[in-house]
All heavy atoms as atom14 arrays in JSON, in Angstrom:
{
  "sequence": "HIPDGASVFLNIGTSTEAVARALLAHRDLMVITNNMNVANILVANA",
  "atom14_mask": [
    [1, 1, 1, 1, 1, 1, 1, 1, 1, 1, 0, 0, 0, 0],
    [1, 1, 1, 1, 1, 1, 1, 1, 0, 0, 0, 0, 0, 0],
    [1, 1, 1, 1, 1, 1, 1, 0, 0, 0, 0, 0, 0, 0],
    [1, 1, 1, 1, 1, 1, 1, 1, 0, 0, 0, 0, 0, 0],
    [1, 1, 1, 1, 0, 0, 0, 0, 0, 0, 0, 0, 0, 0],
    [1, 1, 1, 1, 1, 0, 0, 0, 0, 0, 0, 0, 0, 0],
    [1, 1, 1, 1, 1, 1, 0, 0, 0, 0, 0, 0, 0, 0],
    [1, 1, 1, 1, 1, 1, 1, 0, 0, 0, 0, 0, 0, 0],
    [1, 1, 1, 1, 1, 1, 1, 1, 1, 1, 1, 0, 0, 0],
    [1, 1, 1, 1, 1, 1, 1, 1, 0, 0, 0, 0, 0, 0],
    [1, 1, 1, 1, 1, 1, 1, 1, 0, 0, 0, 0, 0, 0],
    [1, 1, 1, 1, 1, 1, 1, 1, 0, 0, 0, 0, 0, 0],
    [1, 1, 1, 1, 0, 0, 0, 0, 0, 0, 0, 0, 0, 0],
    [1, 1, 1, 1, 1, 1, 1, 0, 0, 0, 0, 0, 0, 0],
    [1, 1, 1, 1, 1, 1, 0, 0, 0, 0, 0, 0, 0, 0],
    [1, 1, 1, 1, 1, 1, 1, 0, 0, 0, 0, 0, 0, 0],
    [1, 1, 1, 1, 1, 1, 1, 1, 1, 0, 0, 0, 0, 0],
    [1, 1, 1, 1, 1, 0, 0, 0, 0, 0, 0, 0, 0, 0],
    [1, 1, 1, 1, 1, 1, 1, 0, 0, 0, 0, 0, 0, 0],
    [1, 1, 1, 1, 1, 0, 0, 0, 0, 0, 0, 0, 0, 0],
    [1, 1, 1, 1, 1, 1, 1, 1, 1, 1, 1, 0, 0, 0],
    [1, 1, 1, 1, 1, 0, 0, 0, 0, 0, 0, 0, 0, 0],
    [1, 1, 1, 1, 1, 1, 1, 1, 0, 0, 0, 0, 0, 0],
    [1, 1, 1, 1, 1, 1, 1, 1, 0, 0, 0, 0, 0, 0],
    [1, 1, 1, 1, 1, 0, 0, 0, 0, 0, 0, 0, 0, 0],
    [1, 1, 1, 1, 1, 1, 1, 1, 1, 1, 0, 0, 0, 0],
    [1, 1, 1, 1, 1, 1, 1, 1, 1, 1, 1, 0, 0, 0],
    [1, 1, 1, 1, 1, 1, 1, 1, 0, 0, 0, 0, 0, 0],
    [1, 1, 1, 1, 1, 1, 1, 1, 0, 0, 0, 0, 0, 0],
    [1, 1, 1, 1, 1, 1, 1, 1, 0, 0, 0, 0, 0, 0],
    [1, 1, 1, 1, 1, 1, 1, 0, 0, 0, 0, 0, 0, 0],
    [1, 1, 1, 1, 1, 1, 1, 1, 0, 0, 0, 0, 0, 0],
    [1, 1, 1, 1, 1, 1, 1, 0, 0, 0, 0, 0, 0, 0],
    [1, 1, 1, 1, 1, 1, 1, 1, 0, 0, 0, 0, 0, 0],
    [1, 1, 1, 1, 1, 1, 1, 1, 0, 0, 0, 0, 0, 0],
    [1, 1, 1, 1, 1, 1, 1, 1, 0, 0, 0, 0, 0, 0],
    [1, 1, 1, 1, 1, 1, 1, 1, 0, 0, 0, 0, 0, 0],
    [1, 1, 1, 1, 1, 1, 1, 0, 0, 0, 0, 0, 0, 0],
    [1, 1, 1, 1, 1, 0, 0, 0, 0, 0, 0, 0, 0, 0],
    [1, 1, 1, 1, 1, 1, 1, 1, 0, 0, 0, 0, 0, 0],
    [1, 1, 1, 1, 1, 1, 1, 1, 0, 0, 0, 0, 0, 0],
    [1, 1, 1, 1, 1, 1, 1, 1, 0, 0, 0, 0, 0, 0],
    [1, 1, 1, 1, 1, 1, 1, 0, 0, 0, 0, 0, 0, 0],
    [1, 1, 1, 1, 1, 0, 0, 0, 0, 0, 0, 0, 0, 0],
    [1, 1, 1, 1, 1, 1, 1, 1, 0, 0, 0, 0, 0, 0],
    [1, 1, 1, 1, 1, 0, 0, 0, 0, 0, 0, 0, 0, 0]
  ],
  "atom14_positions": [
    [[93.86, 136.51, 96.47], [93.9, 137.98, 96.55], [95.33, 138.49, 96.8], [95.52, 139.67, 97.12], [92.96, 138.47, 97.66], [91.52, 138.36, 97.29], [90.81, 137.18, 97.36], [90.65, 139.29, 96.81], [89.56, 137.39, 96.98], [89.44, 138.65, 96.64], [0.0, 0.0, 0.0], [0.0, 0.0, 0.0], [0.0, 0.0, 0.0], [0.0, 0.0, 0.0]],
    [[96.3, 137.6, 96.68], [97.71, 137.98, 96.79], [98.38, 137.67, 95.46], [98.47, 136.51, 95.06], [98.4, 137.21, 97.93], [97.75, 137.55, 99.27], [99.9, 137.54, 97.96], [98.25, 136.74, 100.43], [0.0, 0.0, 0.0], [0.0, 0.0, 0.0], [0.0, 0.0, 0.0], [0.0, 0.0, 0.0], [0.0, 0.0, 0.0], [0.0, 0.0, 0.0]],
    [[98.83, 138.68, 94.74], [99.42, 138.44, 93.42], [100.87, 137.95, 93.51], [101.52, 138.09, 94.55], [99.36, 139.82, 92.76], [99.49, 140.77, 93.91], [98.76, 140.12, 95.07], [0.0, 0.0, 0.0], [0.0, 0.0, 0.0], [0.0, 0.0, 0.0], [0.0, 0.0, 0.0], [0.0, 0.0, 0.0], [0.0, 0.0, 0.0], [0.0, 0.0, 0.0]],
    [[101.34, 137.35, 92.43], [102.77, 137.05, 92.33], [103.56, 138.35, 92.45], [103.08, 139.43, 92.1], [103.08, 136.4, 90.98], [102.5, 134.99, 90.85], [102.21, 134.38, 91.9], [102.34, 134.52, 89.71], [0.0, 0.0, 0.0], [0.0, 0.0, 0.0], [0.0, 0.0, 0.0], [0.0, 0.0, 0.0], [0.0, 0.0, 0.0], [0.0, 0.0, 0.0]],
    [[104.79, 138.22, 92.94], [105.66, 139.39, 93.01], [105.37, 140.32, 94.17], [105.86, 141.46, 94.19], [0.0, 0.0, 0.0], [0.0, 0.0, 0.0], [0.0, 0.0, 0.0], [0.0, 0.0, 0.0], [0.0, 0.0, 0.0], [0.0, 0.0, 0.0], [0.0, 0.0, 0.0], [0.0, 0.0, 0.0], [0.0, 0.0, 0.0], [0.0, 0.0, 0.0]],
    [[104.6, 139.87, 95.15], [104.23, 140.73, 96.28], [105.1, 140.44, 97.49], [105.71, 139.37, 97.63], [102.76, 140.51, 96.64], [0.0, 0.0, 0.0], [0.0, 0.0, 0.0], [0.0, 0.0, 0.0], [0.0, 0.0, 0.0], [0.0, 0.0, 0.0], [0.0, 0.0, 0.0], [0.0, 0.0, 0.0], [0.0, 0.0, 0.0], [0.0, 0.0, 0.0]],
    [[105.15, 141.41, 98.39], [105.75, 141.18, 99.71], [104.61, 140.97, 100.7], [103.63, 141.72, 100.71], [106.62, 142.37, 100.14], [105.87, 143.58, 100.13], [0.0, 0.0, 0.0], [0.0, 0.0, 0.0], [0.0, 0.0, 0.0], [0.0, 0.0, 0.0], [0.0, 0.0, 0.0], [0.0, 0.0, 0.0], [0.0, 0.0, 0.0], [0.0, 0.0, 0.0]],
    [[104.74, 139.93, 101.52], [103.63, 139.49, 102.38], [104.16, 139.17, 103.78], [105.22, 138.54, 103.92], [102.97, 138.21, 101.82], [101.73, 137.84, 102.64], [102.62, 138.36, 100.35], [0.0, 0.0, 0.0], [0.0, 0.0, 0.0], [0.0, 0.0, 0.0], [0.0, 0.0, 0.0], [0.0, 0.0, 0.0], [0.0, 0.0, 0.0], [0.0, 0.0, 0.0]],
    [[103.43, 139.6, 104.8], [103.74, 139.18, 106.17], [102.68, 138.17, 106.61], [101.49, 138.43, 106.49], [103.76, 140.36, 107.15], [104.47, 140.03, 108.43], [105.74, 140.53, 108.67], [103.9, 139.18, 109.38], [106.42, 140.2, 109.84], [104.57, 138.85, 110.54], [105.84, 139.36, 110.78], [0.0, 0.0, 0.0], [0.0, 0.0, 0.0], [0.0, 0.0, 0.0]],
    [[103.14, 137.03, 107.13], [102.25, 136.02, 107.71], [102.6, 135.88, 109.18], [103.74, 135.57, 109.52], [102.41, 134.67, 107.01], [102.09, 134.6, 105.51], [102.39, 133.21, 104.97], [100.64, 134.96, 105.25], [0.0, 0.0, 0.0], [0.0, 0.0, 0.0], [0.0, 0.0, 0.0], [0.0, 0.0, 0.0], [0.0, 0.0, 0.0], [0.0, 0.0, 0.0]],
    [[101.62, 136.08, 110.05], [101.95, 136.04, 111.48], [101.66, 134.68, 112.1], [101.48, 133.68, 111.4], [101.28, 137.2, 112.23], [99.82, 136.95, 112.56], [99.14, 136.13, 111.93], [99.3, 137.67, 113.54], [0.0, 0.0, 0.0], [0.0, 0.0, 0.0], [0.0, 0.0, 0.0], [0.0, 0.0, 0.0], [0.0, 0.0, 0.0], [0.0, 0.0, 0.0]],
    [[101.6, 134.64, 113.41], [101.44, 133.39, 114.15], [100.0, 132.89, 114.04], [99.05, 133.67, 114.13], [101.79, 133.6, 115.64], [103.21, 134.13, 115.78], [101.64, 132.31, 116.43], [103.56, 134.59, 117.19], [0.0, 0.0, 0.0], [0.0, 0.0, 0.0], [0.0, 0.0, 0.0], [0.0, 0.0, 0.0], [0.0, 0.0, 0.0], [0.0, 0.0, 0.0]],
    [[99.83, 131.57, 113.85], [98.5, 131.0, 113.86], [98.34, 129.87, 112.86], [99.03, 129.82, 111.84], [0.0, 0.0, 0.0], [0.0, 0.0, 0.0], [0.0, 0.0, 0.0], [0.0, 0.0, 0.0], [0.0, 0.0, 0.0], [0.0, 0.0, 0.0], [0.0, 0.0, 0.0], [0.0, 0.0, 0.0], [0.0, 0.0, 0.0], [0.0, 0.0, 0.0]],
    [[97.42, 128.98, 113.15], [97.19, 127.85, 112.26], [96.48, 128.27, 110.97], [96.66, 127.65, 109.94], [96.37, 126.76, 112.97], [95.13, 127.32, 113.46], [97.13, 126.18, 114.16], [0.0, 0.0, 0.0], [0.0, 0.0, 0.0], [0.0, 0.0, 0.0], [0.0, 0.0, 0.0], [0.0, 0.0, 0.0], [0.0, 0.0, 0.0], [0.0, 0.0, 0.0]],
    [[95.71, 129.35, 111.03], [95.05, 129.84, 109.8], [96.07, 130.46, 108.85], [95.99, 130.27, 107.63], [93.96, 130.86, 110.15], [92.91, 130.25, 110.87], [0.0, 0.0, 0.0], [0.0, 0.0, 0.0], [0.0, 0.0, 0.0], [0.0, 0.0, 0.0], [0.0, 0.0, 0.0], [0.0, 0.0, 0.0], [0.0, 0.0, 0.0], [0.0, 0.0, 0.0]],
    [[97.04, 131.2, 109.39], [98.06, 131.78, 108.53], [98.98, 130.7, 107.98], [99.52, 130.83, 106.87], [98.87, 132.86, 109.26], [99.36, 132.34, 110.49], [98.02, 134.08, 109.53], [0.0, 0.0, 0.0], [0.0, 0.0, 0.0], [0.0, 0.0, 0.0], [0.0, 0.0, 0.0], [0.0, 0.0, 0.0], [0.0, 0.0, 0.0], [0.0, 0.0, 0.0]],
    [[99.16, 129.62, 108.73], [99.93, 128.48, 108.21], [99.2, 127.85, 107.02], [99.84, 127.42, 106.04], [100.16, 127.46, 109.32], [101.15, 127.95, 110.37], [101.16, 127.12, 111.63], [100.73, 125.94, 111.59], [101.6, 127.63, 112.68], [0.0, 0.0, 0.0], [0.0, 0.0, 0.0], [0.0, 0.0, 0.0], [0.0, 0.0, 0.0], [0.0, 0.0, 0.0]],
    [[97.87, 127.81, 107.08], [97.1, 127.32, 105.93], [97.29, 128.22, 104.72], [97.39, 127.76, 103.58], [95.62, 127.21, 106.3], [0.0, 0.0, 0.0], [0.0, 0.0, 0.0], [0.0, 0.0, 0.0], [0.0, 0.0, 0.0], [0.0, 0.0, 0.0], [0.0, 0.0, 0.0], [0.0, 0.0, 0.0], [0.0, 0.0, 0.0], [0.0, 0.0, 0.0]],
    [[97.36, 129.53, 104.95], [97.61, 130.48, 103.85], [98.99, 130.23, 103.26], [99.17, 130.27, 102.03], [97.46, 131.93, 104.33], [97.87, 132.9, 103.22], [96.03, 132.21, 104.79], [0.0, 0.0, 0.0], [0.0, 0.0, 0.0], [0.0, 0.0, 0.0], [0.0, 0.0, 0.0], [0.0, 0.0, 0.0], [0.0, 0.0, 0.0], [0.0, 0.0, 0.0]],
    [[99.97, 129.94, 104.09], [101.33, 129.63, 103.59], [101.28, 128.45, 102.62], [101.9, 128.48, 101.55], [102.27, 129.34, 104.75], [0.0, 0.0, 0.0], [0.0, 0.0, 0.0], [0.0, 0.0, 0.0], [0.0, 0.0, 0.0], [0.0, 0.0, 0.0], [0.0, 0.0, 0.0], [0.0, 0.0, 0.0], [0.0, 0.0, 0.0], [0.0, 0.0, 0.0]],
    [[100.53, 127.42, 102.97], [100.41, 126.26, 102.07], [99.73, 126.66, 100.76], [100.09, 126.16, 99.69], [99.63, 125.14, 102.76], [100.33, 124.54, 103.97], [99.6, 123.36, 104.56], [100.21, 122.95, 105.81], [99.83, 123.39, 107.01], [98.81, 124.25, 107.12], [100.45, 122.99, 108.11], [0.0, 0.0, 0.0], [0.0, 0.0, 0.0], [0.0, 0.0, 0.0]],
    [[98.76, 127.56, 100.86], [98.05, 128.0, 99.65], [98.92, 128.88, 98.76], [98.58, 129.11, 97.6], [96.77, 128.74, 100.05], [0.0, 0.0, 0.0], [0.0, 0.0, 0.0], [0.0, 0.0, 0.0], [0.0, 0.0, 0.0], [0.0, 0.0, 0.0], [0.0, 0.0, 0.0], [0.0, 0.0, 0.0], [0.0, 0.0, 0.0], [0.0, 0.0, 0.0]],
    [[100.04, 129.36, 99.28], [100.95, 130.23, 98.51], [102.11, 129.45, 97.88], [102.98, 130.06, 97.26], [101.51, 131.33, 99.41], [100.53, 132.41, 99.89], [101.2, 133.31, 100.91], [99.99, 133.23, 98.72], [0.0, 0.0, 0.0], [0.0, 0.0, 0.0], [0.0, 0.0, 0.0], [0.0, 0.0, 0.0], [0.0, 0.0, 0.0], [0.0, 0.0, 0.0]],
    [[102.11, 128.14, 98.02], [103.25, 127.36, 97.55], [103.44, 127.43, 96.03], [104.54, 127.21, 95.54], [103.1, 125.89, 97.99], [103.39, 125.63, 99.47], [103.06, 124.2, 99.85], [104.86, 125.95, 99.79], [0.0, 0.0, 0.0], [0.0, 0.0, 0.0], [0.0, 0.0, 0.0], [0.0, 0.0, 0.0], [0.0, 0.0, 0.0], [0.0, 0.0, 0.0]],
    [[102.38, 127.74, 95.29], [102.51, 127.83, 93.83], [102.74, 129.27, 93.35], [102.91, 129.5, 92.16], [101.25, 127.26, 93.16], [0.0, 0.0, 0.0], [0.0, 0.0, 0.0], [0.0, 0.0, 0.0], [0.0, 0.0, 0.0], [0.0, 0.0, 0.0], [0.0, 0.0, 0.0], [0.0, 0.0, 0.0], [0.0, 0.0, 0.0], [0.0, 0.0, 0.0]],
    [[102.76, 130.23, 94.26], [103.0, 131.62, 93.87], [104.47, 131.82, 93.48], [105.36, 131.11, 93.94], [102.64, 132.56, 95.02], [101.19, 132.92, 95.1], [100.19, 131.97, 95.1], [100.56, 134.14, 95.16], [99.01, 132.59, 95.19], [99.21, 133.9, 95.21], [0.0, 0.0, 0.0], [0.0, 0.0, 0.0], [0.0, 0.0, 0.0], [0.0, 0.0, 0.0]],
    [[104.7, 132.83, 92.66], [106.03, 133.11, 92.16], [106.53, 134.48, 92.65], [105.73, 135.4, 92.83], [106.04, 133.09, 90.62], [105.65, 131.74, 90.03], [105.42, 131.85, 88.52], [106.63, 132.31, 87.84], [107.58, 131.5, 87.41], [107.48, 130.19, 87.58], [108.66, 131.98, 86.79], [0.0, 0.0, 0.0], [0.0, 0.0, 0.0], [0.0, 0.0, 0.0]],
    [[107.83, 134.56, 92.84], [108.51, 135.83, 93.15], [107.93, 136.53, 94.38], [107.77, 137.76, 94.39], [108.43, 136.78, 91.94], [109.09, 136.18, 90.71], [110.14, 135.53, 90.87], [108.56, 136.37, 89.61], [0.0, 0.0, 0.0], [0.0, 0.0, 0.0], [0.0, 0.0, 0.0], [0.0, 0.0, 0.0], [0.0, 0.0, 0.0], [0.0, 0.0, 0.0]],
    [[107.64, 135.76, 95.41], [107.15, 136.35, 96.66], [108.31, 136.65, 97.6], [109.32, 135.95, 97.6], [106.19, 135.4, 97.38], [104.81, 135.14, 96.79], [104.06, 134.17, 97.72], [104.02, 136.42, 96.62], [0.0, 0.0, 0.0], [0.0, 0.0, 0.0], [0.0, 0.0, 0.0], [0.0, 0.0, 0.0], [0.0, 0.0, 0.0], [0.0, 0.0, 0.0]],
    [[108.14, 137.68, 98.4], [108.95, 137.84, 99.61], [107.99, 137.69, 100.78], [107.02, 138.45, 100.9], [109.63, 139.2, 99.69], [110.33, 139.42, 101.05], [111.03, 141.08, 101.28], [112.56, 140.88, 100.38], [0.0, 0.0, 0.0], [0.0, 0.0, 0.0], [0.0, 0.0, 0.0], [0.0, 0.0, 0.0], [0.0, 0.0, 0.0], [0.0, 0.0, 0.0]],
    [[108.23, 136.71, 101.63], [107.39, 136.48, 102.8], [108.19, 136.76, 104.05], [109.26, 136.18, 104.26], [106.83, 135.05, 102.83], [106.1, 134.79, 104.15], [105.88, 134.81, 101.66], [0.0, 0.0, 0.0], [0.0, 0.0, 0.0], [0.0, 0.0, 0.0], [0.0, 0.0, 0.0], [0.0, 0.0, 0.0], [0.0, 0.0, 0.0], [0.0, 0.0, 0.0]],
    [[107.7, 137.68, 104.85], [108.29, 137.96, 106.16], [107.36, 137.31, 107.18], [106.13, 137.39, 107.06], [108.38, 139.49, 106.42], [109.11, 140.18, 105.27], [109.09, 139.76, 107.74], [108.2, 140.83, 104.26], [0.0, 0.0, 0.0], [0.0, 0.0, 0.0], [0.0, 0.0, 0.0], [0.0, 0.0, 0.0], [0.0, 0.0, 0.0], [0.0, 0.0, 0.0]],
    [[107.93, 136.65, 108.16], [107.09, 135.95, 109.12], [107.76, 135.87, 110.49], [108.98, 135.85, 110.59], [106.75, 134.53, 108.63], [105.82, 133.91, 109.55], [108.0, 133.67, 108.5], [0.0, 0.0, 0.0], [0.0, 0.0, 0.0], [0.0, 0.0, 0.0], [0.0, 0.0, 0.0], [0.0, 0.0, 0.0], [0.0, 0.0, 0.0], [0.0, 0.0, 0.0]],
    [[106.94, 135.84, 111.52], [107.41, 135.55, 112.87], [106.87, 134.19, 113.32], [106.7, 133.94, 114.51], [107.0, 136.65, 113.86], [105.49, 136.76, 114.02], [104.73, 136.54, 113.08], [105.05, 137.1, 115.22], [0.0, 0.0, 0.0], [0.0, 0.0, 0.0], [0.0, 0.0, 0.0], [0.0, 0.0, 0.0], [0.0, 0.0, 0.0], [0.0, 0.0, 0.0]],
    [[106.64, 133.33, 112.33], [106.08, 132.0, 112.58], [107.03, 130.97, 111.96], [107.12, 130.86, 110.73], [104.69, 131.91, 111.95], [103.98, 130.61, 112.26], [104.59, 129.6, 112.55], [102.66, 130.64, 112.18], [0.0, 0.0, 0.0], [0.0, 0.0, 0.0], [0.0, 0.0, 0.0], [0.0, 0.0, 0.0], [0.0, 0.0, 0.0], [0.0, 0.0, 0.0]],
    [[107.74, 130.21, 112.78], [108.69, 129.22, 112.27], [108.01, 128.17, 111.42], [108.59, 127.65, 110.46], [109.42, 128.55, 113.45], [110.29, 129.5, 114.26], [111.69, 130.15, 113.32], [112.68, 128.67, 113.17], [0.0, 0.0, 0.0], [0.0, 0.0, 0.0], [0.0, 0.0, 0.0], [0.0, 0.0, 0.0], [0.0, 0.0, 0.0], [0.0, 0.0, 0.0]],
    [[106.75, 127.85, 111.73], [106.02, 126.86, 110.94], [105.77, 127.37, 109.52], [105.87, 126.62, 108.55], [104.7, 126.5, 111.62], [104.9, 125.93, 113.0], [105.77, 125.1, 113.21], [104.12, 126.38, 113.96], [0.0, 0.0, 0.0], [0.0, 0.0, 0.0], [0.0, 0.0, 0.0], [0.0, 0.0, 0.0], [0.0, 0.0, 0.0], [0.0, 0.0, 0.0]],
    [[105.44, 128.65, 109.39], [105.25, 129.26, 108.07], [106.54, 129.19, 107.26], [106.53, 128.83, 106.08], [104.77, 130.72, 108.22], [104.96, 131.49, 106.91], [103.31, 130.77, 108.65], [0.0, 0.0, 0.0], [0.0, 0.0, 0.0], [0.0, 0.0, 0.0], [0.0, 0.0, 0.0], [0.0, 0.0, 0.0], [0.0, 0.0, 0.0], [0.0, 0.0, 0.0]],
    [[107.66, 129.53, 107.9], [108.94, 129.49, 107.2], [109.25, 128.08, 106.7], [109.67, 127.89, 105.55], [110.05, 129.98, 108.13], [0.0, 0.0, 0.0], [0.0, 0.0, 0.0], [0.0, 0.0, 0.0], [0.0, 0.0, 0.0], [0.0, 0.0, 0.0], [0.0, 0.0, 0.0], [0.0, 0.0, 0.0], [0.0, 0.0, 0.0], [0.0, 0.0, 0.0]],
    [[108.99, 127.08, 107.53], [109.26, 125.69, 107.15], [108.35, 125.23, 106.02], [108.76, 124.48, 105.14], [109.11, 124.77, 108.36], [110.26, 124.93, 109.35], [111.39, 125.23, 108.96], [109.97, 124.75, 110.63], [0.0, 0.0, 0.0], [0.0, 0.0, 0.0], [0.0, 0.0, 0.0], [0.0, 0.0, 0.0], [0.0, 0.0, 0.0], [0.0, 0.0, 0.0]],
    [[107.11, 125.68, 106.02], [106.17, 125.33, 104.94], [106.65, 125.91, 103.62], [106.69, 125.22, 102.59], [104.75, 125.83, 105.27], [104.15, 125.04, 106.43], [103.84, 125.75, 104.04], [102.92, 125.69, 107.04], [0.0, 0.0, 0.0], [0.0, 0.0, 0.0], [0.0, 0.0, 0.0], [0.0, 0.0, 0.0], [0.0, 0.0, 0.0], [0.0, 0.0, 0.0]],
    [[107.05, 127.18, 103.63], [107.38, 127.88, 102.4], [108.77, 127.54, 101.85], [109.11, 127.94, 100.73], [107.25, 129.39, 102.61], [105.8, 129.87, 102.69], [105.74, 131.32, 103.16], [105.11, 129.73, 101.34], [0.0, 0.0, 0.0], [0.0, 0.0, 0.0], [0.0, 0.0, 0.0], [0.0, 0.0, 0.0], [0.0, 0.0, 0.0], [0.0, 0.0, 0.0]],
    [[109.56, 126.8, 102.62], [110.84, 126.32, 102.1], [110.62, 125.53, 100.8], [111.47, 125.54, 99.9], [111.55, 125.44, 103.16], [112.66, 124.6, 102.54], [112.13, 126.33, 104.26], [0.0, 0.0, 0.0], [0.0, 0.0, 0.0], [0.0, 0.0, 0.0], [0.0, 0.0, 0.0], [0.0, 0.0, 0.0], [0.0, 0.0, 0.0], [0.0, 0.0, 0.0]],
    [[109.47, 124.89, 100.67], [109.17, 124.09, 99.48], [108.92, 124.93, 98.24], [108.87, 124.4, 97.12], [107.96, 123.2, 99.75], [0.0, 0.0, 0.0], [0.0, 0.0, 0.0], [0.0, 0.0, 0.0], [0.0, 0.0, 0.0], [0.0, 0.0, 0.0], [0.0, 0.0, 0.0], [0.0, 0.0, 0.0], [0.0, 0.0, 0.0], [0.0, 0.0, 0.0]],
    [[108.75, 126.25, 98.4], [108.53, 127.14, 97.26], [109.84, 127.83, 96.91], [110.25, 128.8, 97.56], [107.45, 128.18, 97.59], [107.12, 129.09, 96.42], [107.81, 129.08, 95.4], [106.07, 129.87, 96.56], [0.0, 0.0, 0.0], [0.0, 0.0, 0.0], [0.0, 0.0, 0.0], [0.0, 0.0, 0.0], [0.0, 0.0, 0.0], [0.0, 0.0, 0.0]],
    [[110.5, 127.34, 95.86], [111.8, 127.89, 95.47], [111.68, 129.31, 94.94], [112.68, 130.03, 94.82], [112.44, 127.0, 94.4], [0.0, 0.0, 0.0], [0.0, 0.0, 0.0], [0.0, 0.0, 0.0], [0.0, 0.0, 0.0], [0.0, 0.0, 0.0], [0.0, 0.0, 0.0], [0.0, 0.0, 0.0], [0.0, 0.0, 0.0], [0.0, 0.0, 0.0]]
  ]
}
């Protein structure tokens, strides 16, 4: 339910970290987060 090219905020939590992993194949995202784990997960998405 999150399209490519969207701006997304992911907050603190293990469920939002799971969403970050599910977004690894998305394109042209801007992700704002206050969760260091989310940032580290999404580093893999160029």
